[in-house]
Amino acid sequence: MSDTPTPPTLLYKQVHDAVFERIISGELGPGAMLPSEMELAAAYKVSQGTARKALSELEQSGVVERIQGRGTFVATTTPEKEHFHFFRLRSSDRAPAIPNKGLSSIIRREATADEKKHLKMDTDDVFEINRTRAIDNEPVCHEVCLVEAAKFSGLMDRDPLPNSLYPLYQRAYGQRIIQADENLKAVPATSPVAKLLGIKKNTPILEVERFAIGISGAPVEYRITYFIADKYHYNIVLK
């Protein structure tokens, strides 16, 4: 065995990965309190500063939340957080626009080759969730959400689904969304989408393709949403 000391950068990464694995495995579930910096330092035989850096990295990635005076906890998804972070429509004064869940349906079907690729699936079936959402009783978007059926057993039995899907994914299936990668483009409304949104065919609308990424780094949901963009802004924050 080499006597060469492990560089500090690798030490903090080792602590980070060890704690992360406990979260991924479910040993530390949503809302669970993590050991303190001092306890982590003792458990992994590192300095308290190294333990602090590991926790800071976990916090920056959204995996944990540090609450002043209380400690560090595995982050949870709430309906309020989900709306603010993942529903991006804003009114002209930049206030969040909160939709109702509107009309929805769920079917189970065979995934296409592209859908399997998007979700990195080894199985064949997906649940397809269709929802038309409204603000002040006016349709603002229609979304088609796909999840791997094998990971969401019994999802159809939960219909009608709640307004906020991501808290359900976490609470019922242990699938926490920490990141959404999106592609946006303007498209003409097709006849089916136009009918659902109450607009004319070929009206320009915003198409948003989303890959919702879970805590493990793997995609959990693939979603296409069509937005009417004449009354609301699609807000993006760059950091």
C-alpha atoms as a PDB file:
ATOM      1  CA  MET A   1       0.000   0.000   0.000  1.00  0.00           C
ATOM      2  CA  SER A   2       1.328   3.420  -0.884  1.00  0.00           C
ATOM      3  CA  ASP A   3       2.181   5.829   1.918  1.00  0.00           C
ATOM      4  CA  THR A   4       1.385   8.799  -0.318  1.00  0.00           C
ATOM      5  CA  PRO A   5      -1.297  10.914   1.386  1.00  0.00           C
ATOM      6  CA  THR A   6      -4.612  11.332  -0.416  1.00  0.00           C
ATOM      7  CA  PRO A   7      -4.956  14.871  -1.826  1.00  0.00           C
ATOM      8  CA  PRO A   8      -7.563  16.987   0.016  1.00  0.00           C
ATOM      9  CA  THR A   9      -9.601  17.367  -3.176  1.00  0.00           C
ATOM     10  CA  LEU A  10      -9.995  13.593  -3.393  1.00  0.00           C
ATOM     11  CA  LEU A  11     -10.830  13.294   0.295  1.00  0.00           C
ATOM     12  CA  TYR A  12     -13.798  15.637   0.067  1.00  0.00           C
ATOM     13  CA  LYS A  13     -14.968  13.803  -3.050  1.00  0.00           C
ATOM     14  CA  GLN A  14     -14.807  10.486  -1.205  1.00  0.00           C
ATOM     15  CA  VAL A  15     -16.981  11.883   1.596  1.00  0.00           C
ATOM     16  CA  HIS A  16     -19.346  13.458  -0.939  1.00  0.00           C
ATOM     17  CA  ASP A  17     -19.740  10.174  -2.841  1.00  0.00           C
ATOM     18  CA  ALA A  18     -20.225   8.122   0.325  1.00  0.00           C
ATOM     19  CA  VAL A  19     -23.020  10.386   1.593  1.00  0.00           C
ATOM     20  CA  PHE A  20     -24.540  10.610  -1.884  1.00  0.00           C
ATOM     21  CA  GLU A  21     -24.657   6.807  -2.116  1.00  0.00           C
ATOM     22  CA  ARG A  22     -26.532   6.640   1.206  1.00  0.00           C
ATOM     23  CA  ILE A  23     -29.093   9.067  -0.218  1.00  0.00           C
ATOM     24  CA  ILE A  24     -29.408   7.229  -3.544  1.00  0.00           C
ATOM     25  CA  SER A  25     -29.864   3.880  -1.791  1.00  0.00           C
ATOM     26  CA  GLY A  26     -32.685   5.288   0.327  1.00  0.00           C
ATOM     27  CA  GLU A  27     -30.801   4.853   3.590  1.00  0.00           C
ATOM     28  CA  LEU A  28     -31.162   8.610   3.998  1.00  0.00           C
ATOM     29  CA  GLY A  29     -34.610   9.430   2.637  1.00  0.00           C
ATOM     30  CA  PRO A  30     -36.190  12.803   1.815  1.00  0.00           C
ATOM     31  CA  GLY A  31     -36.173  15.029   4.877  1.00  0.00           C
ATOM     32  CA  ALA A  32     -33.674  12.861   6.777  1.00  0.00           C
ATOM     33  CA  MET A  33     -31.098  14.710   8.831  1.00  0.00           C
ATOM     34  CA  LEU A  34     -27.467  14.132   7.847  1.00  0.00           C
ATOM     35  CA  PRO A  35     -24.642  13.698  10.347  1.00  0.00           C
ATOM     36  CA  SER A  36     -22.995  16.950  11.373  1.00  0.00           C
ATOM     37  CA  GLU A  37     -19.688  18.113   9.892  1.00  0.00           C
ATOM     38  CA  MET A  38     -17.947  16.912  13.034  1.00  0.00           C
ATOM     39  CA  GLU A  39     -19.632  13.501  12.881  1.00  0.00           C
ATOM     40  CA  LEU A  40     -18.804  13.087   9.186  1.00  0.00           C
ATOM     41  CA  ALA A  41     -15.218  14.099   9.826  1.00  0.00           C
ATOM     42  CA  ALA A  42     -14.892  11.465  12.538  1.00  0.00           C
ATOM     43  CA  ALA A  43     -16.685   8.776  10.531  1.00  0.00           C
ATOM     44  CA  TYR A  44     -14.530   9.221   7.419  1.00  0.00           C
ATOM     45  CA  LYS A  45     -11.323  10.257   9.218  1.00  0.00           C
ATOM     46  CA  VAL A  46     -11.048  13.628   7.504  1.00  0.00           C
ATOM     47  CA  SER A  47     -10.858  17.217   8.705  1.00  0.00           C
ATOM     48  CA  GLN A  48     -14.015  19.138   9.532  1.00  0.00           C
ATOM     49  CA  GLY A  49     -13.212  21.487   6.643  1.00  0.00           C
ATOM     50  CA  THR A  50     -13.172  18.539   4.226  1.00  0.00           C
ATOM     51  CA  ALA A  51     -16.549  17.360   5.542  1.00  0.00           C
ATOM     52  CA  ARG A  52     -17.891  20.905   5.182  1.00  0.00           C
ATOM     53  CA  LYS A  53     -16.794  21.046   1.542  1.00  0.00           C
ATOM     54  CA  ALA A  54     -18.488  17.721   0.818  1.00  0.00           C
ATOM     55  CA  LEU A  55     -21.775  18.986   2.289  1.00  0.00           C
ATOM     56  CA  SER A  56     -21.453  22.265   0.374  1.00  0.00           C
ATOM     57  CA  GLU A  57     -21.109  20.364  -2.911  1.00  0.00           C
ATOM     58  CA  LEU A  58     -24.210  18.317  -2.099  1.00  0.00           C
ATOM     59  CA  GLU A  59     -26.104  21.506  -1.269  1.00  0.00           C
ATOM     60  CA  GLN A  60     -25.057  23.234  -4.490  1.00  0.00           C
ATOM     61  CA  SER A  61     -26.335  20.299  -6.533  1.00  0.00           C
ATOM     62  CA  GLY A  62     -29.707  20.472  -4.763  1.00  0.00           C
ATOM     63  CA  VAL A  63     -29.362  17.107  -3.047  1.00  0.00           C
ATOM     64  CA  VAL A  64     -29.392  18.474   0.507  1.00  0.00           C
ATOM     65  CA  GLU A  65     -30.665  21.588   2.264  1.00  0.00           C
ATOM     66  CA  ARG A  66     -28.766  23.292   5.054  1.00  0.00           C
ATOM     67  CA  ILE A  67     -31.005  25.025   7.599  1.00  0.00           C
ATOM     68  CA  GLN A  68     -29.308  27.543   9.883  1.00  0.00           C
ATOM     69  CA  GLY A  69     -29.337  26.409  13.479  1.00  0.00           C
ATOM     70  CA  ARG A  70     -30.902  23.017  12.683  1.00  0.00           C
ATOM     71  CA  GLY A  71     -28.550  21.049  10.450  1.00  0.00           C
ATOM     72  CA  THR A  72     -28.382  19.512   6.985  1.00  0.00           C
ATOM     73  CA  PHE A  73     -31.287  17.517   5.544  1.00  0.00           C
ATOM     74  CA  VAL A  74     -31.927  15.477   2.423  1.00  0.00           C
ATOM     75  CA  ALA A  75     -33.864  17.850   0.182  1.00  0.00           C
ATOM     76  CA  THR A  76     -37.538  17.255  -0.444  1.00  0.00           C
ATOM     77  CA  THR A  77     -39.833  18.349  -3.253  1.00  0.00           C
ATOM     78  CA  THR A  78     -42.980  20.213  -2.255  1.00  0.00           C
ATOM     79  CA  PRO A  79     -45.801  21.411  -4.511  1.00  0.00           C
ATOM     80  CA  GLU A  80     -44.748  25.008  -3.846  1.00  0.00           C
ATOM     81  CA  LYS A  81     -41.130  24.352  -4.824  1.00  0.00           C
ATOM     82  CA  GLU A  82     -42.172  22.358  -7.867  1.00  0.00           C
ATOM     83  CA  HIS A  83     -44.380  25.166  -9.135  1.00  0.00           C
ATOM     84  CA  PHE A  84     -41.729  27.816  -8.616  1.00  0.00           C
ATOM     85  CA  HIS A  85     -38.812  25.857 -10.067  1.00  0.00           C
ATOM     86  CA  PHE A  86     -40.388  23.830 -12.834  1.00  0.00           C
ATOM     87  CA  PHE A  87     -43.450  25.717 -14.099  1.00  0.00           C
ATOM     88  CA  ARG A  88     -41.837  28.653 -15.851  1.00  0.00           C
ATOM     89  CA  LEU A  89     -44.732  30.865 -16.947  1.00  0.00           C
ATOM     90  CA  ARG A  90     -44.695  34.330 -15.404  1.00  0.00           C
ATOM     91  CA  SER A  91     -47.120  37.242 -15.643  1.00  0.00           C
ATOM     92  CA  SER A  92     -46.041  40.647 -16.963  1.00  0.00           C
ATOM     93  CA  ASP A  93     -44.951  41.681 -13.440  1.00  0.00           C
ATOM     94  CA  ARG A  94     -42.780  38.498 -13.272  1.00  0.00           C
ATOM     95  CA  ALA A  95     -44.968  36.905 -10.601  1.00  0.00           C
ATOM     96  CA  PRO A  96     -45.269  33.096 -10.878  1.00  0.00           C
ATOM     97  CA  ALA A  97     -48.380  31.977 -12.735  1.00  0.00           C
ATOM     98  CA  ILE A  98     -49.875  28.948 -10.998  1.00  0.00           C
ATOM     99  CA  PRO A  99     -52.074  26.739 -13.209  1.00  0.00           C
ATOM    100  CA  ASN A 100     -54.763  24.314 -12.215  1.00  0.00           C
ATOM    101  CA  LYS A 101     -54.333  20.695 -13.270  1.00  0.00           C
ATOM    102  CA  GLY A 102     -57.082  20.855 -15.904  1.00  0.00           C
ATOM    103  CA  LEU A 103     -58.144  17.887 -18.011  1.00  0.00           C
ATOM    104  CA  SER A 104     -55.854  14.873 -17.817  1.00  0.00           C
ATOM    105  CA  SER A 105     -55.577  11.250 -18.877  1.00  0.00           C
ATOM    106  CA  ILE A 106     -53.115   8.372 -18.424  1.00  0.00           C
ATOM    107  CA  ILE A 107     -52.493   5.453 -20.748  1.00  0.00           C
ATOM    108  CA  ARG A 108     -49.972   2.639 -20.742  1.00  0.00           C
ATOM    109  CA  ARG A 109     -48.408   1.885 -24.118  1.00  0.00           C
ATOM    110  CA  GLU A 110     -45.278   0.617 -25.809  1.00  0.00           C
ATOM    111  CA  ALA A 111     -42.475   3.170 -25.998  1.00  0.00           C
ATOM    112  CA  THR A 112     -41.021   4.222 -29.321  1.00  0.00           C
ATOM    113  CA  ALA A 113     -37.319   3.776 -30.004  1.00  0.00           C
ATOM    114  CA  ASP A 114     -36.721   7.501 -29.444  1.00  0.00           C
ATOM    115  CA  GLU A 115     -38.657   7.471 -26.168  1.00  0.00           C
ATOM    116  CA  LYS A 116     -36.614   4.530 -24.900  1.00  0.00           C
ATOM    117  CA  LYS A 117     -33.477   6.464 -25.777  1.00  0.00           C
ATOM    118  CA  HIS A 118     -34.724   9.639 -24.074  1.00  0.00           C
ATOM    119  CA  LEU A 119     -35.565   7.761 -20.865  1.00  0.00           C
ATOM    120  CA  LYS A 120     -32.618   5.328 -21.108  1.00  0.00           C
ATOM    121  CA  MET A 121     -35.051   2.425 -20.721  1.00  0.00           C
ATOM    122  CA  ASP A 122     -34.338  -1.303 -20.764  1.00  0.00           C
ATOM    123  CA  THR A 123     -38.060  -2.155 -20.569  1.00  0.00           C
ATOM    124  CA  ASP A 124     -40.787  -1.662 -23.195  1.00  0.00           C
ATOM    125  CA  ASP A 125     -43.718   0.274 -21.737  1.00  0.00           C
ATOM    126  CA  VAL A 126     -44.300   3.862 -20.703  1.00  0.00           C
ATOM    127  CA  PHE A 127     -47.114   5.705 -18.981  1.00  0.00           C
ATOM    128  CA  GLU A 128     -48.225   8.664 -21.067  1.00  0.00           C
ATOM    129  CA  ILE A 129     -49.802  11.503 -19.091  1.00  0.00           C
ATOM    130  CA  ASN A 130     -51.717  14.122 -21.088  1.00  0.00           C
ATOM    131  CA  ARG A 131     -52.726  17.327 -19.313  1.00  0.00           C
ATOM    132  CA  THR A 132     -54.248  20.595 -20.502  1.00  0.00           C
ATOM    133  CA  ARG A 133     -53.609  23.249 -17.868  1.00  0.00           C
ATOM    134  CA  ALA A 134     -55.360  26.570 -17.373  1.00  0.00           C
ATOM    135  CA  ILE A 135     -54.924  29.848 -15.532  1.00  0.00           C
ATOM    136  CA  ASP A 136     -58.092  31.774 -14.626  1.00  0.00           C
ATOM    137  CA  ASN A 137     -60.062  29.169 -16.598  1.00  0.00           C
ATOM    138  CA  GLU A 138     -58.153  29.911 -19.823  1.00  0.00           C
ATOM    139  CA  PRO A 139     -55.974  27.119 -21.290  1.00  0.00           C
ATOM    140  CA  VAL A 140     -52.298  28.093 -21.296  1.00  0.00           C
ATOM    141  CA  CYS A 141     -50.530  24.826 -22.126  1.00  0.00           C
ATOM    142  CA  HIS A 142     -50.882  21.183 -23.025  1.00  0.00           C
ATOM    143  CA  GLU A 143     -48.269  18.717 -21.809  1.00  0.00           C
ATOM    144  CA  VAL A 144     -47.439  15.128 -22.656  1.00  0.00           C
ATOM    145  CA  CYS A 145     -45.359  13.475 -19.917  1.00  0.00           C
ATOM    146  CA  LEU A 146     -43.724  10.065 -20.313  1.00  0.00           C
ATOM    147  CA  VAL A 147     -42.301   7.901 -17.526  1.00  0.00           C
ATOM    148  CA  GLU A 148     -41.052   4.332 -17.559  1.00  0.00           C
ATOM    149  CA  ALA A 149     -43.933   2.078 -16.489  1.00  0.00           C
ATOM    150  CA  ALA A 150     -41.645  -0.324 -14.615  1.00  0.00           C
ATOM    151  CA  LYS A 151     -40.537   2.494 -12.287  1.00  0.00           C
ATOM    152  CA  PHE A 152     -44.050   3.837 -11.691  1.00  0.00           C
ATOM    153  CA  SER A 153     -46.113   0.748 -10.932  1.00  0.00           C
ATOM    154  CA  GLY A 154     -49.763   1.537 -10.219  1.00  0.00           C
ATOM    155  CA  LEU A 155     -49.614   5.081 -11.567  1.00  0.00           C
ATOM    156  CA  MET A 156     -52.898   4.665 -13.452  1.00  0.00           C
ATOM    157  CA  ASP A 157     -54.605   3.759 -10.177  1.00  0.00           C
ATOM    158  CA  ARG A 158     -53.653   7.185  -8.831  1.00  0.00           C
ATOM    159  CA  ASP A 159     -55.676   9.037 -11.459  1.00  0.00           C
ATOM    160  CA  PRO A 160     -56.759  11.810 -11.090  1.00  0.00           C
ATOM    161  CA  LEU A 161     -53.181  12.897 -10.532  1.00  0.00           C
ATOM    162  CA  PRO A 162     -52.300  15.922  -8.369  1.00  0.00           C
ATOM    163  CA  ASN A 163     -51.518  19.306  -9.883  1.00  0.00           C
ATOM    164  CA  SER A 164     -47.822  18.892  -9.046  1.00  0.00           C
ATOM    165  CA  LEU A 165     -46.398  15.643 -10.427  1.00  0.00           C
ATOM    166  CA  TYR A 166     -42.840  15.815  -9.115  1.00  0.00           C
ATOM    167  CA  PRO A 167     -43.775  15.629  -5.410  1.00  0.00           C
ATOM    168  CA  LEU A 168     -45.843  12.535  -6.284  1.00  0.00           C
ATOM    169  CA  TYR A 169     -42.885  11.000  -8.110  1.00  0.00           C
ATOM    170  CA  GLN A 170     -40.769  11.466  -4.997  1.00  0.00           C
ATOM    171  CA  ARG A 171     -43.311  10.563  -2.332  1.00  0.00           C
ATOM    172  CA  ALA A 172     -44.761   7.459  -3.999  1.00  0.00           C
ATOM    173  CA  TYR A 173     -41.850   6.201  -6.115  1.00  0.00           C
ATOM    174  CA  GLY A 174     -38.650   7.625  -4.628  1.00  0.00           C
ATOM    175  CA  GLN A 175     -37.908   9.494  -7.867  1.00  0.00           C
ATOM    176  CA  ARG A 176     -36.793  13.010  -6.950  1.00  0.00           C
ATOM    177  CA  ILE A 177     -36.315  15.551  -9.752  1.00  0.00           C
ATOM    178  CA  ILE A 178     -33.361  17.873  -9.205  1.00  0.00           C
ATOM    179  CA  GLN A 179     -32.815  19.232 -12.693  1.00  0.00           C
ATOM    180  CA  ALA A 180     -34.711  19.921 -15.916  1.00  0.00           C
ATOM    181  CA  ASP A 181     -32.884  20.197 -19.237  1.00  0.00           C
ATOM    182  CA  GLU A 182     -35.054  21.967 -21.805  1.00  0.00           C
ATOM    183  CA  ASN A 183     -35.088  22.738 -25.509  1.00  0.00           C
ATOM    184  CA  LEU A 184     -37.399  25.512 -26.744  1.00  0.00           C
ATOM    185  CA  LYS A 185     -38.676  26.387 -30.203  1.00  0.00           C
ATOM    186  CA  ALA A 186     -41.632  28.128 -31.859  1.00  0.00           C
ATOM    187  CA  VAL A 187     -43.976  25.821 -33.791  1.00  0.00           C
ATOM    188  CA  PRO A 188     -47.392  26.092 -35.478  1.00  0.00           C
ATOM    189  CA  ALA A 189     -50.194  24.492 -33.475  1.00  0.00           C
ATOM    190  CA  THR A 190     -51.378  21.194 -34.914  1.00  0.00           C
ATOM    191  CA  SER A 191     -55.110  20.518 -35.146  1.00  0.00           C
ATOM    192  CA  PRO A 192     -55.239  18.325 -31.972  1.00  0.00           C
ATOM    193  CA  VAL A 193     -53.199  20.778 -29.878  1.00  0.00           C
ATOM    194  CA  ALA A 194     -55.097  23.785 -31.242  1.00  0.00           C
ATOM    195  CA  LYS A 195     -58.402  22.165 -30.262  1.00  0.00           C
ATOM    196  CA  LEU A 196     -57.180  21.443 -26.732  1.00  0.00           C
ATOM    197  CA  LEU A 197     -55.896  24.988 -26.271  1.00  0.00           C
ATOM    198  CA  GLY A 198     -58.864  26.674 -27.893  1.00  0.00           C
ATOM    199  CA  ILE A 199     -56.851  28.380 -30.626  1.00  0.00           C
ATOM    200  CA  LYS A 200     -56.725  28.241 -34.414  1.00  0.00           C
ATOM    201  CA  LYS A 201     -54.648  25.653 -36.239  1.00  0.00           C
ATOM    202  CA  ASN A 202     -51.149  26.940 -37.140  1.00  0.00           C
ATOM    203  CA  THR A 203     -51.219  29.609 -34.418  1.00  0.00           C
ATOM    204  CA  PRO A 204     -47.591  30.114 -33.296  1.00  0.00           C
ATOM    205  CA  ILE A 205     -46.975  28.439 -29.936  1.00  0.00           C
ATOM    206  CA  LEU A 206     -43.935  27.581 -27.837  1.00  0.00           C
ATOM    207  CA  GLU A 207     -42.825  23.941 -27.754  1.00  0.00           C
ATOM    208  CA  VAL A 208     -40.699  22.987 -24.748  1.00  0.00           C
ATOM    209  CA  GLU A 209     -38.959  19.606 -24.699  1.00  0.00           C
ATOM    210  CA  ARG A 210     -37.914  18.650 -21.157  1.00  0.00           C
ATOM    211  CA  PHE A 211     -35.679  15.933 -19.777  1.00  0.00           C
ATOM    212  CA  ALA A 212     -36.354  15.751 -16.021  1.00  0.00           C
ATOM    213  CA  ILE A 213     -33.261  14.408 -14.275  1.00  0.00           C
ATOM    214  CA  GLY A 214     -33.368  12.498 -11.004  1.00  0.00           C
ATOM    215  CA  ILE A 215     -30.971  12.521  -8.102  1.00  0.00           C
ATOM    216  CA  SER A 216     -28.954   9.654  -9.618  1.00  0.00           C
ATOM    217  CA  GLY A 217     -28.341  11.663 -12.790  1.00  0.00           C
ATOM    218  CA  ALA A 218     -30.639   9.482 -14.907  1.00  0.00           C
ATOM    219  CA  PRO A 219     -33.734  10.811 -16.720  1.00  0.00           C
ATOM    220  CA  VAL A 220     -36.994  10.200 -14.855  1.00  0.00           C
ATOM    221  CA  GLU A 221     -39.477  11.913 -17.148  1.00  0.00           C
ATOM    222  CA  TYR A 222     -39.556  13.049 -20.774  1.00  0.00           C
ATOM    223  CA  ARG A 223     -42.050  15.827 -21.432  1.00  0.00           C
ATOM    224  CA  ILE A 224     -43.255  17.918 -24.349  1.00  0.00           C
ATOM    225  CA  THR A 225     -45.302  21.019 -23.465  1.00  0.00           C
ATOM    226  CA  TYR A 226     -47.051  23.401 -25.836  1.00  0.00           C
ATOM    227  CA  PHE A 227     -47.512  26.909 -24.448  1.00  0.00           C
ATOM    228  CA  ILE A 228     -49.680  29.793 -25.586  1.00  0.00           C
ATOM    229  CA  ALA A 229     -47.140  32.570 -25.181  1.00  0.00           C
ATOM    230  CA  ASP A 230     -49.109  35.754 -25.897  1.00  0.00           C
ATOM    231  CA  LYS A 231     -50.175  36.539 -22.310  1.00  0.00           C
ATOM    232  CA  TYR A 232     -47.337  35.085 -20.245  1.00  0.00           C
ATOM    233  CA  HIS A 233     -43.554  35.023 -20.321  1.00  0.00           C
ATOM    234  CA  TYR A 234     -41.502  31.836 -20.200  1.00  0.00           C
ATOM    235  CA  ASN A 235     -39.003  32.716 -17.479  1.00  0.00           C
ATOM    236  CA  ILE A 236     -35.431  31.398 -17.504  1.00  0.00           C
ATOM    237  CA  VAL A 237     -32.846  32.163 -14.839  1.00  0.00           C
ATOM    238  CA  LEU A 238     -29.193  31.811 -15.788  1.00  0.00           C
ATOM    239  CA  LYS A 239     -26.550  31.455 -13.066  1.00  0.00           C
END
